[in-house]
Amino acid sequence: MLYWFLKWIALGPVLRLVFRPKAFGVDHVPEEGPAILASNHLSYADWLFMPLTLNRRVTFVAKAEYFTSPGIKGWFQKKFFSGAGQVPIDRSGANAAEGAMKSAMKILAEGDLFGIYPEGTRSHDGKLYRGKTGVARLALETGAPVIPCAVVGTDVVAPAGKVYGSWTRPVVRFGKPLDFSRYAGMENDRYILRSITDEIMYEIMRLSGQEYVDLYASKAKELDKEKAKQAAAEQAAQEAAGDGPGQKAS
């Protein structure tokens, strides 16, 4: 009940009034039955705007810590995340990835929509990065269709590292459902999983218009941090030698 209260009475109307999000291809999302909504990930606001354009509930998995924090703050946090369509990762698995898979399979088995970000983390520079194969394994093990999705503009509304950005009108695009039943029973073949994942990412790229980088987003962030550190160290060395920006004119 809290999910629908937030969506139709409390939070949803405010977001619709202020940002007026546009949606295309909503008819590609089935009115009933399980489906996987595989989306790009530009901002923490993605999970607010994408479900806002649909009449059905979309459920994502979130860190278990959001649901287990102690005290009044923890109680409100748990209520908000569960009400906003998020469920904790099943920690009975050997690791977080396996736990997320179990939680996702339960959601799909109940005939609901499951939202997933194949990149695994938010893009730090607006580019689309290599998808992780969990989405492919989920599709093969459940038989649910994959609906590629692109959310555009949320990185302007809520940029990485900031609570608020500037106003823009977010756009949500849904592509045609992708059926991978031809690969049934091959969920343990890593080449098949990679092929399926790349096909999904291609469709997301086509919908979003983002530049694609065949590198995991987490690795790209690490490389960019290393480059920034190296550039800072080189600049400091130049200034210390007296030939950088800090040098005084004689």
Foldseek 3Di string as FASTA:
>chain_A
DLLCCCLPPNPNVVCCVQQVAAEAPQVLDDPWFEAEEEEAAAAPCPLVPPCSVHPFAEAEEDACQQQPDDDPVSVVSNSVQVSNRYHYFQPVDPDSLVSRLVVQLVQNVVTGYYYDHQLNDHAQPQAGEQGDLSVVLSCQVNVHWYKYKYKPDVCQQANPPGRGHDHHHIYMYIHHTDGPPVCHPVSVPVVVSRVVRVVSSVVNCVVHVHHYDHHRRVVVVVVVVVVVVVVVVVQVVCVVVQNHPVHDDD
